[in-house]
Amino acid sequence: MPPMLFAHPFASYCQKALIAFYENATPFTFRLLDKADPATFAEFAELWPLKRFPLLVDQGRSVAEATIIVEHLAIYHPGPVQLIPEEPAAALEARFLDRFFDNYIQTPMQKIVGDSLRDPKQRDAKGVAEARALLDTAYAWLERRIADREWAIGDRFSLGDCAAAPALFYANWTHPIGERFWSVRTYRSRLNARPSFARAIEEARPYRHFFPLGAPDRD
């Protein structure tokens, strides 16, 4: 029985997991988490009461968190694309970049997006300003890091890139990557063109009207 993934195609962390499946053409069953299907949501909540997706179910085992799903696939469903390098030092770097994109790109980006959904009287202007400043700092660090690299850890696609693709995709919508960050912008373009992520982008396209800040006419 193939693995089963509870997810939504527009959610950035779900895209991170989907990239890993698509990179190696790993068979799986997609369970769409949609308000129009309360039964699927109820099954998902029973499996994972914290209700954070994606969630993988494989051979009766529930695996939460996108990073851990990618690691799980590398162990139990390996393919030709090794998203977790065999060399310990390279694997450590891939995991570090994964944490960088989750903590310093995804988190402040989601702070800004989440704040826009609040009642105007309850918005956190200071927190949003801090999130935008953190994104600029992260862009500047990444500009130096990625300047001479094709992918996050060098010349091969890895877990770090699975995290980078949706993070930079939505971050640029939320807090545009300035022209001074040329290497980051071109890295984002390479990620968008990668077949595994390009597929995720297209699958999410019908849901762009859900983006609370307004999806830009690009990408």
C-alpha atoms as a PDB file:
ATOM      1  CA  MET A   1       0.000   0.000   0.000  1.00  0.00           C
ATOM      2  CA  PRO A   2       1.550   3.358  -0.994  1.00  0.00           C
ATOM      3  CA  PRO A   3       2.122   6.111   1.579  1.00  0.00           C
ATOM      4  CA  MET A   4      -0.790   8.485   2.162  1.00  0.00           C
ATOM      5  CA  LEU A   5      -0.247  12.229   2.466  1.00  0.00           C
ATOM      6  CA  PHE A   6      -2.763  14.544   4.114  1.00  0.00           C
ATOM      7  CA  ALA A   7      -2.030  17.982   2.682  1.00  0.00           C
ATOM      8  CA  HIS A   8      -3.192  21.011   0.748  1.00  0.00           C
ATOM      9  CA  PRO A   9      -1.383  21.997  -2.474  1.00  0.00           C
ATOM     10  CA  PHE A  10      -1.285  25.725  -1.617  1.00  0.00           C
ATOM     11  CA  ALA A  11       0.371  25.255   1.787  1.00  0.00           C
ATOM     12  CA  SER A  12       4.103  25.903   1.741  1.00  0.00           C
ATOM     13  CA  TYR A  13       5.101  23.090   4.102  1.00  0.00           C
ATOM     14  CA  CYS A  14       2.961  20.661   2.117  1.00  0.00           C
ATOM     15  CA  GLN A  15       4.814  21.722  -1.022  1.00  0.00           C
ATOM     16  CA  LYS A  16       8.082  21.002   0.745  1.00  0.00           C
ATOM     17  CA  ALA A  17       7.002  17.392   1.269  1.00  0.00           C
ATOM     18  CA  LEU A  18       5.520  17.104  -2.226  1.00  0.00           C
ATOM     19  CA  ILE A  19       8.851  18.109  -3.781  1.00  0.00           C
ATOM     20  CA  ALA A  20      10.455  15.085  -2.120  1.00  0.00           C
ATOM     21  CA  PHE A  21       7.798  12.761  -3.543  1.00  0.00           C
ATOM     22  CA  TYR A  22       8.061  14.265  -7.021  1.00  0.00           C
ATOM     23  CA  GLU A  23      11.869  14.266  -7.137  1.00  0.00           C
ATOM     24  CA  ASN A  24      11.906  10.482  -6.996  1.00  0.00           C
ATOM     25  CA  ALA A  25       8.486   9.757  -8.515  1.00  0.00           C
ATOM     26  CA  THR A  26       7.533   8.037  -5.264  1.00  0.00           C
ATOM     27  CA  PRO A  27       3.989   6.630  -5.462  1.00  0.00           C
ATOM     28  CA  PHE A  28       1.583   7.983  -2.842  1.00  0.00           C
ATOM     29  CA  THR A  29      -2.072   8.696  -2.202  1.00  0.00           C
ATOM     30  CA  PHE A  30      -2.950  12.372  -1.830  1.00  0.00           C
ATOM     31  CA  ARG A  31      -5.643  13.208   0.743  1.00  0.00           C
ATOM     32  CA  LEU A  32      -6.812  16.741   0.129  1.00  0.00           C
ATOM     33  CA  LEU A  33      -7.552  18.706   3.293  1.00  0.00           C
ATOM     34  CA  ASP A  34     -10.446  20.851   2.181  1.00  0.00           C
ATOM     35  CA  LYS A  35     -13.326  22.378   4.135  1.00  0.00           C
ATOM     36  CA  ALA A  36     -15.707  20.812   1.654  1.00  0.00           C
ATOM     37  CA  ASP A  37     -14.639  17.375   2.934  1.00  0.00           C
ATOM     38  CA  PRO A  38     -15.093  17.341   6.729  1.00  0.00           C
ATOM     39  CA  ALA A  39     -14.693  13.564   6.880  1.00  0.00           C
ATOM     40  CA  THR A  40     -11.099  13.754   5.660  1.00  0.00           C
ATOM     41  CA  PHE A  41     -10.377  16.526   8.159  1.00  0.00           C
ATOM     42  CA  ALA A  42     -11.841  14.413  10.952  1.00  0.00           C
ATOM     43  CA  GLU A  43      -9.690  11.417   9.979  1.00  0.00           C
ATOM     44  CA  PHE A  44      -6.630  13.678   9.860  1.00  0.00           C
ATOM     45  CA  ALA A  45      -7.389  15.193  13.278  1.00  0.00           C
ATOM     46  CA  GLU A  46      -7.803  11.747  14.782  1.00  0.00           C
ATOM     47  CA  LEU A  47      -4.351  10.780  13.506  1.00  0.00           C
ATOM     48  CA  TRP A  48      -2.686  14.053  14.498  1.00  0.00           C
ATOM     49  CA  PRO A  49      -4.616  16.100  17.080  1.00  0.00           C
ATOM     50  CA  LEU A  50      -2.312  19.109  16.646  1.00  0.00           C
ATOM     51  CA  LYS A  51      -3.849  19.461  13.162  1.00  0.00           C
ATOM     52  CA  ARG A  52      -0.699  20.772  11.480  1.00  0.00           C
ATOM     53  CA  PHE A  53      -0.142  19.528   7.993  1.00  0.00           C
ATOM     54  CA  PRO A  54       1.280  17.795   6.061  1.00  0.00           C
ATOM     55  CA  LEU A  55       0.904  14.415   7.694  1.00  0.00           C
ATOM     56  CA  LEU A  56       2.208  11.186   6.182  1.00  0.00           C
ATOM     57  CA  VAL A  57       0.750   7.782   6.973  1.00  0.00           C
ATOM     58  CA  ASP A  58       2.996   4.925   5.898  1.00  0.00           C
ATOM     59  CA  GLN A  59       2.391   1.284   6.823  1.00  0.00           C
ATOM     60  CA  GLY A  60       0.187   2.385   9.716  1.00  0.00           C
ATOM     61  CA  ARG A  61       2.732   4.870  11.065  1.00  0.00           C
ATOM     62  CA  SER A  62       1.913   8.584  11.213  1.00  0.00           C
ATOM     63  CA  VAL A  63       4.779  10.920  10.372  1.00  0.00           C
ATOM     64  CA  ALA A  64       4.310  14.625  11.101  1.00  0.00           C
ATOM     65  CA  GLU A  65       6.359  17.677  10.050  1.00  0.00           C
ATOM     66  CA  ALA A  66       7.557  18.247   6.489  1.00  0.00           C
ATOM     67  CA  THR A  67      11.248  17.881   7.300  1.00  0.00           C
ATOM     68  CA  ILE A  68      10.686  14.545   9.012  1.00  0.00           C
ATOM     69  CA  ILE A  69       8.556  13.376   6.096  1.00  0.00           C
ATOM     70  CA  VAL A  70      11.453  14.092   3.723  1.00  0.00           C
ATOM     71  CA  GLU A  71      13.812  12.222   6.061  1.00  0.00           C
ATOM     72  CA  HIS A  72      11.345   9.328   6.295  1.00  0.00           C
ATOM     73  CA  LEU A  73      11.121   9.039   2.518  1.00  0.00           C
ATOM     74  CA  ALA A  74      14.924   9.018   2.260  1.00  0.00           C
ATOM     75  CA  ILE A  75      15.047   6.028   4.620  1.00  0.00           C
ATOM     76  CA  TYR A  76      12.007   3.980   3.622  1.00  0.00           C
ATOM     77  CA  HIS A  77      11.416   5.031   0.002  1.00  0.00           C
ATOM     78  CA  PRO A  78      14.847   5.968  -1.371  1.00  0.00           C
ATOM     79  CA  GLY A  79      15.249   6.957  -4.993  1.00  0.00           C
ATOM     80  CA  PRO A  80      17.953   8.166  -7.357  1.00  0.00           C
ATOM     81  CA  VAL A  81      17.852  11.713  -5.962  1.00  0.00           C
ATOM     82  CA  GLN A  82      19.422  11.584  -2.509  1.00  0.00           C
ATOM     83  CA  LEU A  83      17.875  14.523  -0.693  1.00  0.00           C
ATOM     84  CA  ILE A  84      19.847  13.607   2.434  1.00  0.00           C
ATOM     85  CA  PRO A  85      23.466  13.213   1.288  1.00  0.00           C
ATOM     86  CA  GLU A  86      25.361  10.123   2.409  1.00  0.00           C
ATOM     87  CA  GLU A  87      28.378  12.154   3.512  1.00  0.00           C
ATOM     88  CA  PRO A  88      27.823  13.285   7.108  1.00  0.00           C
ATOM     89  CA  ALA A  89      29.186  16.805   6.556  1.00  0.00           C
ATOM     90  CA  ALA A  90      27.010  17.384   3.487  1.00  0.00           C
ATOM     91  CA  ALA A  91      23.982  15.928   5.291  1.00  0.00           C
ATOM     92  CA  LEU A  92      24.602  18.281   8.205  1.00  0.00           C
ATOM     93  CA  GLU A  93      24.756  21.261   5.851  1.00  0.00           C
ATOM     94  CA  ALA A  94      21.522  20.210   4.124  1.00  0.00           C
ATOM     95  CA  ARG A  95      19.797  19.968   7.501  1.00  0.00           C
ATOM     96  CA  PHE A  96      21.167  23.341   8.554  1.00  0.00           C
ATOM     97  CA  LEU A  97      19.866  25.011   5.394  1.00  0.00           C
ATOM     98  CA  ASP A  98      16.517  23.325   5.999  1.00  0.00           C
ATOM     99  CA  ARG A  99      16.391  24.956   9.437  1.00  0.00           C
ATOM    100  CA  PHE A 100      17.498  28.298   7.997  1.00  0.00           C
ATOM    101  CA  PHE A 101      14.676  28.426   5.458  1.00  0.00           C
ATOM    102  CA  ASP A 102      12.053  27.246   7.945  1.00  0.00           C
ATOM    103  CA  ASN A 103      13.091  29.524  10.797  1.00  0.00           C
ATOM    104  CA  TYR A 104      14.308  32.673   9.065  1.00  0.00           C
ATOM    105  CA  ILE A 105      12.284  32.776   5.833  1.00  0.00           C
ATOM    106  CA  GLN A 106       9.090  30.800   6.447  1.00  0.00           C
ATOM    107  CA  THR A 107       8.483  31.956  10.014  1.00  0.00           C
ATOM    108  CA  PRO A 108       8.724  35.741   9.463  1.00  0.00           C
ATOM    109  CA  MET A 109       6.853  35.413   6.164  1.00  0.00           C
ATOM    110  CA  GLN A 110       4.005  33.626   7.921  1.00  0.00           C
ATOM    111  CA  LYS A 111       4.027  36.249  10.674  1.00  0.00           C
ATOM    112  CA  ILE A 112       3.305  38.939   8.078  1.00  0.00           C
ATOM    113  CA  VAL A 113       0.649  36.883   6.292  1.00  0.00           C
ATOM    114  CA  GLY A 114      -1.013  35.842   9.540  1.00  0.00           C
ATOM    115  CA  ASP A 115      -1.131  39.401  10.815  1.00  0.00           C
ATOM    116  CA  SER A 116      -2.998  40.495   7.691  1.00  0.00           C
ATOM    117  CA  LEU A 117      -5.810  38.100   8.652  1.00  0.00           C
ATOM    118  CA  ARG A 118      -6.363  39.754  12.021  1.00  0.00           C
ATOM    119  CA  ASP A 119      -8.914  42.361  12.866  1.00  0.00           C
ATOM    120  CA  PRO A 120      -7.214  45.721  12.146  1.00  0.00           C
ATOM    121  CA  LYS A 121      -7.508  46.651  15.826  1.00  0.00           C
ATOM    122  CA  GLN A 122      -5.533  43.577  16.842  1.00  0.00           C
ATOM    123  CA  ARG A 123      -2.690  43.812  14.356  1.00  0.00           C
ATOM    124  CA  ASP A 124       0.904  43.757  15.512  1.00  0.00           C
ATOM    125  CA  ALA A 125       2.696  46.525  13.608  1.00  0.00           C
ATOM    126  CA  LYS A 126       5.878  46.117  15.639  1.00  0.00           C
ATOM    127  CA  GLY A 127       5.952  42.364  15.089  1.00  0.00           C
ATOM    128  CA  VAL A 128       5.419  42.767  11.364  1.00  0.00           C
ATOM    129  CA  ALA A 129       8.223  45.342  11.144  1.00  0.00           C
ATOM    130  CA  GLU A 130      10.530  42.943  12.987  1.00  0.00           C
ATOM    131  CA  ALA A 131       9.534  40.127  10.630  1.00  0.00           C
ATOM    132  CA  ARG A 132      10.321  42.256   7.580  1.00  0.00           C
ATOM    133  CA  ALA A 133      13.684  43.228   9.072  1.00  0.00           C
ATOM    134  CA  LEU A 134      14.467  39.567   9.746  1.00  0.00           C
ATOM    135  CA  LEU A 135      13.634  38.683   6.136  1.00  0.00           C
ATOM    136  CA  ASP A 136      16.003  41.363   4.859  1.00  0.00           C
ATOM    137  CA  THR A 137      18.736  40.040   7.138  1.00  0.00           C
ATOM    138  CA  ALA A 138      18.074  36.483   5.949  1.00  0.00           C
ATOM    139  CA  TYR A 139      18.107  37.567   2.295  1.00  0.00           C
ATOM    140  CA  ALA A 140      21.456  39.305   2.832  1.00  0.00           C
ATOM    141  CA  TRP A 141      22.981  36.243   4.507  1.00  0.00           C
ATOM    142  CA  LEU A 142      21.671  33.958   1.781  1.00  0.00           C
ATOM    143  CA  GLU A 143      22.971  36.310  -0.932  1.00  0.00           C
ATOM    144  CA  ARG A 144      26.512  35.674   0.264  1.00  0.00           C
ATOM    145  CA  ARG A 145      25.940  31.972   0.861  1.00  0.00           C
ATOM    146  CA  ILE A 146      24.372  31.143  -2.497  1.00  0.00           C
ATOM    147  CA  ALA A 147      26.483  33.419  -4.716  1.00  0.00           C
ATOM    148  CA  ASP A 148      28.661  30.644  -6.144  1.00  0.00           C
ATOM    149  CA  ARG A 149      26.229  27.749  -5.766  1.00  0.00           C
ATOM    150  CA  GLU A 150      23.579  26.222  -7.962  1.00  0.00           C
ATOM    151  CA  TRP A 151      21.684  24.649  -5.071  1.00  0.00           C
ATOM    152  CA  ALA A 152      21.618  25.116  -1.315  1.00  0.00           C
ATOM    153  CA  ILE A 153      24.614  22.907  -0.557  1.00  0.00           C
ATOM    154  CA  GLY A 154      26.396  23.174  -3.892  1.00  0.00           C
ATOM    155  CA  ASP A 155      25.885  21.253  -7.116  1.00  0.00           C
ATOM    156  CA  ARG A 156      23.198  18.797  -5.972  1.00  0.00           C
ATOM    157  CA  PHE A 157      19.569  19.190  -4.980  1.00  0.00           C
ATOM    158  CA  SER A 158      18.850  18.351  -1.338  1.00  0.00           C
ATOM    159  CA  LEU A 159      16.563  18.730   1.654  1.00  0.00           C
ATOM    160  CA  GLY A 160      17.755  22.336   1.872  1.00  0.00           C
ATOM    161  CA  ASP A 161      16.254  23.078  -1.533  1.00  0.00           C
ATOM    162  CA  CYS A 162      12.988  21.348  -0.634  1.00  0.00           C
ATOM    163  CA  ALA A 163      12.713  23.881   2.180  1.00  0.00           C
ATOM    164  CA  ALA A 164      13.961  26.816   0.116  1.00  0.00           C
ATOM    165  CA  ALA A 165      11.562  26.502  -2.813  1.00  0.00           C
ATOM    166  CA  PRO A 166       8.211  27.246  -1.136  1.00  0.00           C
ATOM    167  CA  ALA A 167       9.818  29.531   1.449  1.00  0.00           C
ATOM    168  CA  LEU A 168      11.332  31.868  -1.143  1.00  0.00           C
ATOM    169  CA  PHE A 169       8.309  31.536  -3.430  1.00  0.00           C
ATOM    170  CA  TYR A 170       5.885  32.959  -0.881  1.00  0.00           C
ATOM    171  CA  ALA A 171       8.406  35.232   0.838  1.00  0.00           C
ATOM    172  CA  ASN A 172       8.892  37.128  -2.408  1.00  0.00           C
ATOM    173  CA  TRP A 173       5.132  37.644  -2.579  1.00  0.00           C
ATOM    174  CA  THR A 174       5.070  38.860   1.016  1.00  0.00           C
ATOM    175  CA  HIS A 175       8.283  40.894   1.290  1.00  0.00           C
ATOM    176  CA  PRO A 176       9.821  41.186  -2.202  1.00  0.00           C
ATOM    177  CA  ILE A 177      13.417  40.075  -2.635  1.00  0.00           C
ATOM    178  CA  GLY A 178      15.139  43.288  -3.682  1.00  0.00           C
ATOM    179  CA  GLU A 179      17.293  43.679  -6.772  1.00  0.00           C
ATOM    180  CA  ARG A 180      20.395  43.911  -4.595  1.00  0.00           C
ATOM    181  CA  PHE A 181      19.851  40.249  -3.745  1.00  0.00           C
ATOM    182  CA  TRP A 182      20.544  39.091  -7.287  1.00  0.00           C
ATOM    183  CA  SER A 183      21.873  35.658  -6.299  1.00  0.00           C
ATOM    184  CA  VAL A 184      18.805  34.960  -4.161  1.00  0.00           C
ATOM    185  CA  ARG A 185      16.493  36.040  -6.976  1.00  0.00           C
ATOM    186  CA  THR A 186      18.219  33.808  -9.523  1.00  0.00           C
ATOM    187  CA  TYR A 187      18.297  30.905  -7.063  1.00  0.00           C
ATOM    188  CA  ARG A 188      14.556  31.327  -6.581  1.00  0.00           C
ATOM    189  CA  SER A 189      14.110  31.229 -10.357  1.00  0.00           C
ATOM    190  CA  ARG A 190      16.080  27.975 -10.579  1.00  0.00           C
ATOM    191  CA  LEU A 191      13.931  26.480  -7.847  1.00  0.00           C
ATOM    192  CA  ASN A 192      10.732  27.539  -9.608  1.00  0.00           C
ATOM    193  CA  ALA A 193      11.946  25.861 -12.804  1.00  0.00           C
ATOM    194  CA  ARG A 194      12.887  22.596 -11.095  1.00  0.00           C
ATOM    195  CA  PRO A 195      10.327  20.054 -12.406  1.00  0.00           C
ATOM    196  CA  SER A 196       9.353  18.827  -8.938  1.00  0.00           C
ATOM    197  CA  PHE A 197       8.573  22.320  -7.657  1.00  0.00           C
ATOM    198  CA  ALA A 198       7.175  23.551 -10.975  1.00  0.00           C
ATOM    199  CA  ARG A 199       4.604  20.770 -10.631  1.00  0.00           C
ATOM    200  CA  ALA A 200       3.758  21.890  -7.088  1.00  0.00           C
ATOM    201  CA  ILE A 201       3.383  25.488  -8.285  1.00  0.00           C
ATOM    202  CA  GLU A 202       0.926  24.461 -10.980  1.00  0.00           C
ATOM    203  CA  GLU A 203      -1.079  22.273  -8.620  1.00  0.00           C
ATOM    204  CA  ALA A 204      -1.414  25.234  -6.245  1.00  0.00           C
ATOM    205  CA  ARG A 205      -2.307  27.787  -8.918  1.00  0.00           C
ATOM    206  CA  PRO A 206      -6.118  27.357  -8.622  1.00  0.00           C
ATOM    207  CA  TYR A 207      -5.914  28.394  -4.963  1.00  0.00           C
ATOM    208  CA  ARG A 208      -4.035  31.667  -5.359  1.00  0.00           C
ATOM    209  CA  HIS A 209      -7.110  33.707  -4.567  1.00  0.00           C
ATOM    210  CA  PHE A 210      -6.745  32.485  -0.975  1.00  0.00           C
ATOM    211  CA  PHE A 211      -3.499  34.419  -0.471  1.00  0.00           C
ATOM    212  CA  PRO A 212      -4.590  37.210   1.915  1.00  0.00           C
ATOM    213  CA  LEU A 213      -2.081  39.794   0.658  1.00  0.00           C
ATOM    214  CA  GLY A 214      -3.134  39.254  -2.948  1.00  0.00           C
ATOM    215  CA  ALA A 215      -1.154  36.941  -5.209  1.00  0.00           C
ATOM    216  CA  PRO A 216       0.994  38.995  -7.618  1.00  0.00           C
ATOM    217  CA  ASP A 217       0.723  38.586 -11.368  1.00  0.00           C
ATOM    218  CA  ARG A 218       3.968  36.647 -11.685  1.00  0.00           C
ATOM    219  CA  ASP A 219       5.332  33.151 -11.111  1.00  0.00           C
END
